[in-house]
Amino acid sequence: MKFKGLLIAGAAITMALGMAAMVGCGGGTDYTFEAEKAQLSQNADGVAVYQSATEYSAEGEGAAVEIVGYFTAADANIIWKITSDKECDATLTLRAASASADAAELFSGGKGYIKEMDLSTGTYVTLDVNGTNAKLDGKLPGLEFTPAEDFSNFMDFYGSYMNNYAEVTAKIHLKAGENTITLKSLGYTDGAVQYGINVDKITVTAPATLTWTETDNTGRTPPAMG
């Protein structure tokens, strides 16, 4: 009886290890899903597509990157619908930049600031996978801006400084079949600062084969100024 019990226990352990290998999130393949090719909310003040934003670079002109900007209004969302060939745990990496500008001191000889955003607080955006919240972990860095005497570099503050990209991560669970991954803006404001982000892409690292159908957002443009 003891020998039979050991066989049963051994079989159970083998099965458990097999399930862990199938579902576990260690390793896997990286799949990139661009934000500008996802489904975008139709909120008029929500999101728009920039086709060629310039990444911030301390050395000067940065590389061009396609992003989703104006991601500030409450309930604006970016939705990736991704199909997995099996159920598994995975790691999601969000590449984004703080677009939260505080320019209150600029015109009185002071500085302007791109505000740091700690996405792990859940204050600014939320990430849901199939209706279940997935906690983001990480910060989008801030920047200090000193205007030139003639303000000739003023647009840098509203351009490349808001494209200082960083990566934050989340542990997610994918089911076999279609998965809906939703990044939603909470519309957070503090005084004159409206907190928003510029979103480049997500990368999902999973021990599975992932596919999706891209959305054509070429007609989505930034809202008119003024």
Foldseek 3Di string as FASTA:
>chain_A
DVVVVVVVVVVVVVVVVVVCVQAPAPFFDKDWDWQLFFDWDPPVQAKFKDQWAWADDPVDTHGTAIWIDSHFAFFTKTKFKKAWQAKYKWKKKWKKAKQWKDCPCQVVQAKIKRDKAQQQVVQWKWKDKQNHTWGKGDMHDMDIGGADPVNPCVVCNNGNNQRHIDMIMTIDIDHHTIMMIMIGTRNDDDVPIGIDMITTIMMMGTNTDMDGHTHDRVVGHDDDDD
